[in-house]
């Protein structure tokens, strides 16, 4: 379970065009978890 404030941080960083790798480091989660959160929020766009 990821806290809502962490999900907000992931969303805000991603919408600021920060790479997923750097977002993962900032919120101390692994990259697949960050990607799954972004997909859950419906904002992940694959490169």
PDB file of N, CA and C in Angstrom:
ATOM      1  N   UNK A   1       0.849  -1.188   0.000  1.00  0.00           N
ATOM      2  CA  UNK A   1       0.000   0.000   0.000  1.00  0.00           C
ATOM      3  C   UNK A   1       0.887   1.242   0.000  1.00  0.00           C
ATOM      4  N   UNK A   2       0.632   2.110  -0.937  1.00  0.00           N
ATOM      5  CA  UNK A   2       1.419   3.335  -1.067  1.00  0.00           C
ATOM      6  C   UNK A   2       0.597   4.500  -0.523  1.00  0.00           C
ATOM      7  N   UNK A   3       1.177   5.284   0.365  1.00  0.00           N
ATOM      8  CA  UNK A   3       0.448   6.410   0.958  1.00  0.00           C
ATOM      9  C   UNK A   3      -0.003   7.419  -0.110  1.00  0.00           C
ATOM     10  N   UNK A   4      -1.155   8.038   0.090  1.00  0.00           N
ATOM     11  CA  UNK A   4      -1.661   9.019  -0.881  1.00  0.00           C
ATOM     12  C   UNK A   4      -0.696  10.166  -1.168  1.00  0.00           C
ATOM     13  N   UNK A   5       0.039  10.617  -0.149  1.00  0.00           N
ATOM     14  CA  UNK A   5       0.973  11.718  -0.407  1.00  0.00           C
ATOM     15  C   UNK A   5       2.121  11.285  -1.315  1.00  0.00           C
ATOM     16  N   UNK A   6       2.537  10.024  -1.228  1.00  0.00           N
ATOM     17  CA  UNK A   6       3.570   9.503  -2.121  1.00  0.00           C
ATOM     18  C   UNK A   6       3.017   9.391  -3.539  1.00  0.00           C
ATOM     19  N   UNK A   7       1.783   8.951  -3.660  1.00  0.00           N
ATOM     20  CA  UNK A   7       1.157   8.867  -4.988  1.00  0.00           C
ATOM     21  C   UNK A   7       1.046  10.258  -5.609  1.00  0.00           C
ATOM     22  N   UNK A   8       0.707  11.247  -4.812  1.00  0.00           N
ATOM     23  CA  UNK A   8       0.640  12.626  -5.309  1.00  0.00           C
ATOM     24  C   UNK A   8       2.011  13.101  -5.778  1.00  0.00           C
ATOM     25  N   UNK A   9       3.041  12.773  -5.009  1.00  0.00           N
ATOM     26  CA  UNK A   9       4.401  13.171  -5.372  1.00  0.00           C
ATOM     27  C   UNK A   9       4.811  12.522  -6.689  1.00  0.00           C
ATOM     28  N   UNK A  10       4.502  11.235  -6.848  1.00  0.00           N
ATOM     29  CA  UNK A  10       4.823  10.532  -8.091  1.00  0.00           C
ATOM     30  C   UNK A  10       4.116  11.201  -9.260  1.00  0.00           C
ATOM     31  N   UNK A  11       2.839  11.491  -9.091  1.00  0.00           N
ATOM     32  CA  UNK A  11       2.049  12.126 -10.148  1.00  0.00           C
ATOM     33  C   UNK A  11       2.631  13.491 -10.517  1.00  0.00           C
ATOM     34  N   UNK A  12       2.915  14.314  -9.520  1.00  0.00           N
ATOM     35  CA  UNK A  12       3.430  15.655  -9.778  1.00  0.00           C
ATOM     36  C   UNK A  12       4.792  15.626 -10.456  1.00  0.00           C
ATOM     37  N   UNK A  13       5.672  14.746  -9.989  1.00  0.00           N
ATOM     38  CA  UNK A  13       6.989  14.639 -10.609  1.00  0.00           C
ATOM     39  C   UNK A  13       6.874  14.163 -12.057  1.00  0.00           C
ATOM     40  N   UNK A  14       6.021  13.182 -12.280  1.00  0.00           N
ATOM     41  CA  UNK A  14       5.865  12.638 -13.634  1.00  0.00           C
ATOM     42  C   UNK A  14       5.287  13.686 -14.579  1.00  0.00           C
ATOM     43  N   UNK A  15       4.326  14.447 -14.093  1.00  0.00           N
ATOM     44  CA  UNK A  15       3.721  15.495 -14.930  1.00  0.00           C
ATOM     45  C   UNK A  15       4.694  16.648 -15.175  1.00  0.00           C
ATOM     46  N   UNK A  16       5.776  16.716 -14.394  1.00  0.00           N
ATOM     47  CA  UNK A  16       6.815  17.721 -14.605  1.00  0.00           C
ATOM     48  C   UNK A  16       7.915  17.190 -15.535  1.00  0.00           C
ATOM     49  N   UNK A  17       7.620  16.069 -16.193  1.00  0.00           N
ATOM     50  CA  UNK A  17       8.540  15.435 -17.151  1.00  0.00           C
ATOM     51  C   UNK A  17       9.832  14.933 -16.514  1.00  0.00           C
ATOM     52  N   UNK A  18       9.746  14.478 -15.278  1.00  0.00           N
ATOM     53  CA  UNK A  18      10.881  13.853 -14.612  1.00  0.00           C
ATOM     54  C   UNK A  18      10.884  12.375 -15.002  1.00  0.00           C
ATOM     55  N   UNK A  19      12.072  11.835 -15.305  1.00  0.00           N
ATOM     56  CA  UNK A  19      12.172  10.429 -15.680  1.00  0.00           C
ATOM     57  C   UNK A  19      11.746   9.518 -14.527  1.00  0.00           C
ATOM     58  N   UNK A  20      11.157   8.390 -14.893  1.00  0.00           N
ATOM     59  CA  UNK A  20      10.667   7.424 -13.910  1.00  0.00           C
ATOM     60  C   UNK A  20      11.797   6.976 -12.978  1.00  0.00           C
ATOM     61  N   UNK A  21      13.000   6.831 -13.511  1.00  0.00           N
ATOM     62  CA  UNK A  21      14.131   6.397 -12.691  1.00  0.00           C
ATOM     63  C   UNK A  21      14.405   7.392 -11.558  1.00  0.00           C
ATOM     64  N   UNK A  22      14.347   8.675 -11.876  1.00  0.00           N
ATOM     65  CA  UNK A  22      14.599   9.696 -10.861  1.00  0.00           C
ATOM     66  C   UNK A  22      13.440   9.794  -9.863  1.00  0.00           C
ATOM     67  N   UNK A  23      12.215   9.595 -10.358  1.00  0.00           N
ATOM     68  CA  UNK A  23      11.060   9.587  -9.454  1.00  0.00           C
ATOM     69  C   UNK A  23      11.213   8.455  -8.439  1.00  0.00           C
ATOM     70  N   UNK A  24      11.604   7.287  -8.920  1.00  0.00           N
ATOM     71  CA  UNK A  24      11.787   6.134  -8.038  1.00  0.00           C
ATOM     72  C   UNK A  24      12.805   6.437  -6.940  1.00  0.00           C
ATOM     73  N   UNK A  25      13.893   7.118  -7.306  1.00  0.00           N
ATOM     74  CA  UNK A  25      14.902   7.471  -6.295  1.00  0.00           C
ATOM     75  C   UNK A  25      14.337   8.476  -5.288  1.00  0.00           C
ATOM     76  N   UNK A  26      13.563   9.428  -5.760  1.00  0.00           N
ATOM     77  CA  UNK A  26      13.021  10.465  -4.877  1.00  0.00           C
ATOM     78  C   UNK A  26      12.045   9.903  -3.846  1.00  0.00           C
ATOM     79  N   UNK A  27      11.215   8.960  -4.267  1.00  0.00           N
ATOM     80  CA  UNK A  27      10.189   8.429  -3.361  1.00  0.00           C
ATOM     81  C   UNK A  27      10.603   7.102  -2.717  1.00  0.00           C
ATOM     82  N   UNK A  28      11.845   6.653  -3.006  1.00  0.00           N
ATOM     83  CA  UNK A  28      12.403   5.438  -2.415  1.00  0.00           C
ATOM     84  C   UNK A  28      11.563   4.197  -2.711  1.00  0.00           C
ATOM     85  N   UNK A  29      11.188   4.059  -3.987  1.00  0.00           N
ATOM     86  CA  UNK A  29      10.476   2.871  -4.462  1.00  0.00           C
ATOM     87  C   UNK A  29      11.213   2.343  -5.680  1.00  0.00           C
ATOM     88  N   UNK A  30      10.928   1.088  -6.057  1.00  0.00           N
ATOM     89  CA  UNK A  30      11.557   0.586  -7.270  1.00  0.00           C
ATOM     90  C   UNK A  30      10.793   1.065  -8.507  1.00  0.00           C
ATOM     91  N   UNK A  31      11.463   1.005  -9.644  1.00  0.00           N
ATOM     92  CA  UNK A  31      10.906   1.544 -10.882  1.00  0.00           C
ATOM     93  C   UNK A  31       9.589   0.857 -11.275  1.00  0.00           C
ATOM     94  N   UNK A  32       9.506  -0.486 -11.227  1.00  0.00           N
ATOM     95  CA  UNK A  32       8.221  -1.116 -11.585  1.00  0.00           C
ATOM     96  C   UNK A  32       7.050  -0.658 -10.708  1.00  0.00           C
ATOM     97  N   UNK A  33       7.312  -0.390  -9.439  1.00  0.00           N
ATOM     98  CA  UNK A  33       6.252   0.094  -8.549  1.00  0.00           C
ATOM     99  C   UNK A  33       5.796   1.475  -8.975  1.00  0.00           C
ATOM    100  N   UNK A  34       6.756   2.344  -9.297  1.00  0.00           N
ATOM    101  CA  UNK A  34       6.409   3.695  -9.746  1.00  0.00           C
ATOM    102  C   UNK A  34       5.583   3.617 -11.033  1.00  0.00           C
ATOM    103  N   UNK A  35       5.990   2.767 -11.962  1.00  0.00           N
ATOM    104  CA  UNK A  35       5.252   2.619 -13.218  1.00  0.00           C
ATOM    105  C   UNK A  35       3.846   2.097 -12.954  1.00  0.00           C
ATOM    106  N   UNK A  36       3.699   1.153 -12.035  1.00  0.00           N
ATOM    107  CA  UNK A  36       2.364   0.627 -11.738  1.00  0.00           C
ATOM    108  C   UNK A  36       1.476   1.689 -11.110  1.00  0.00           C
ATOM    109  N   UNK A  37       2.049   2.560 -10.277  1.00  0.00           N
ATOM    110  CA  UNK A  37       1.275   3.665  -9.697  1.00  0.00           C
ATOM    111  C   UNK A  37       0.813   4.602 -10.814  1.00  0.00           C
ATOM    112  N   UNK A  38       1.717   4.924 -11.732  1.00  0.00           N
ATOM    113  CA  UNK A  38       1.365   5.814 -12.841  1.00  0.00           C
ATOM    114  C   UNK A  38       0.286   5.203 -13.725  1.00  0.00           C
ATOM    115  N   UNK A  39       0.373   3.892 -13.955  1.00  0.00           N
ATOM    116  CA  UNK A  39      -0.663   3.209 -14.742  1.00  0.00           C
ATOM    117  C   UNK A  39      -1.988   3.217 -13.995  1.00  0.00           C
ATOM    118  N   UNK A  40      -1.936   3.012 -12.687  1.00  0.00           N
ATOM    119  CA  UNK A  40      -3.144   3.044 -11.855  1.00  0.00           C
ATOM    120  C   UNK A  40      -3.805   4.425 -11.917  1.00  0.00           C
ATOM    121  N   UNK A  41      -2.978   5.464 -11.961  1.00  0.00           N
ATOM    122  CA  UNK A  41      -3.496   6.831 -12.056  1.00  0.00           C
ATOM    123  C   UNK A  41      -3.930   7.178 -13.480  1.00  0.00           C
ATOM    124  N   UNK A  42      -3.592   6.300 -14.431  1.00  0.00           N
ATOM    125  CA  UNK A  42      -4.006   6.513 -15.825  1.00  0.00           C
ATOM    126  C   UNK A  42      -3.214   7.574 -16.566  1.00  0.00           C
ATOM    127  N   UNK A  43      -1.960   7.816 -16.115  1.00  0.00           N
ATOM    128  CA  UNK A  43      -1.175   8.867 -16.774  1.00  0.00           C
ATOM    129  C   UNK A  43       0.128   8.361 -17.369  1.00  0.00           C
ATOM    130  N   UNK A  44       0.422   7.073 -17.241  1.00  0.00           N
ATOM    131  CA  UNK A  44       1.681   6.559 -17.763  1.00  0.00           C
ATOM    132  C   UNK A  44       1.660   6.490 -19.274  1.00  0.00           C
ATOM    133  N   UNK A  45       2.696   7.047 -19.895  1.00  0.00           N
ATOM    134  CA  UNK A  45       2.833   6.954 -21.350  1.00  0.00           C
ATOM    135  C   UNK A  45       4.172   6.290 -21.649  1.00  0.00           C
ATOM    136  N   UNK A  46       4.102   5.148 -22.314  1.00  0.00           N
ATOM    137  CA  UNK A  46       5.315   4.400 -22.607  1.00  0.00           C
ATOM    138  C   UNK A  46       6.110   5.103 -23.701  1.00  0.00           C
ATOM    139  N   UNK A  47       7.417   4.965 -23.610  1.00  0.00           N
ATOM    140  CA  UNK A  47       8.294   5.601 -24.590  1.00  0.00           C
ATOM    141  C   UNK A  47       8.589   4.661 -25.733  1.00  0.00           C
TER     142      UNK A  47
END
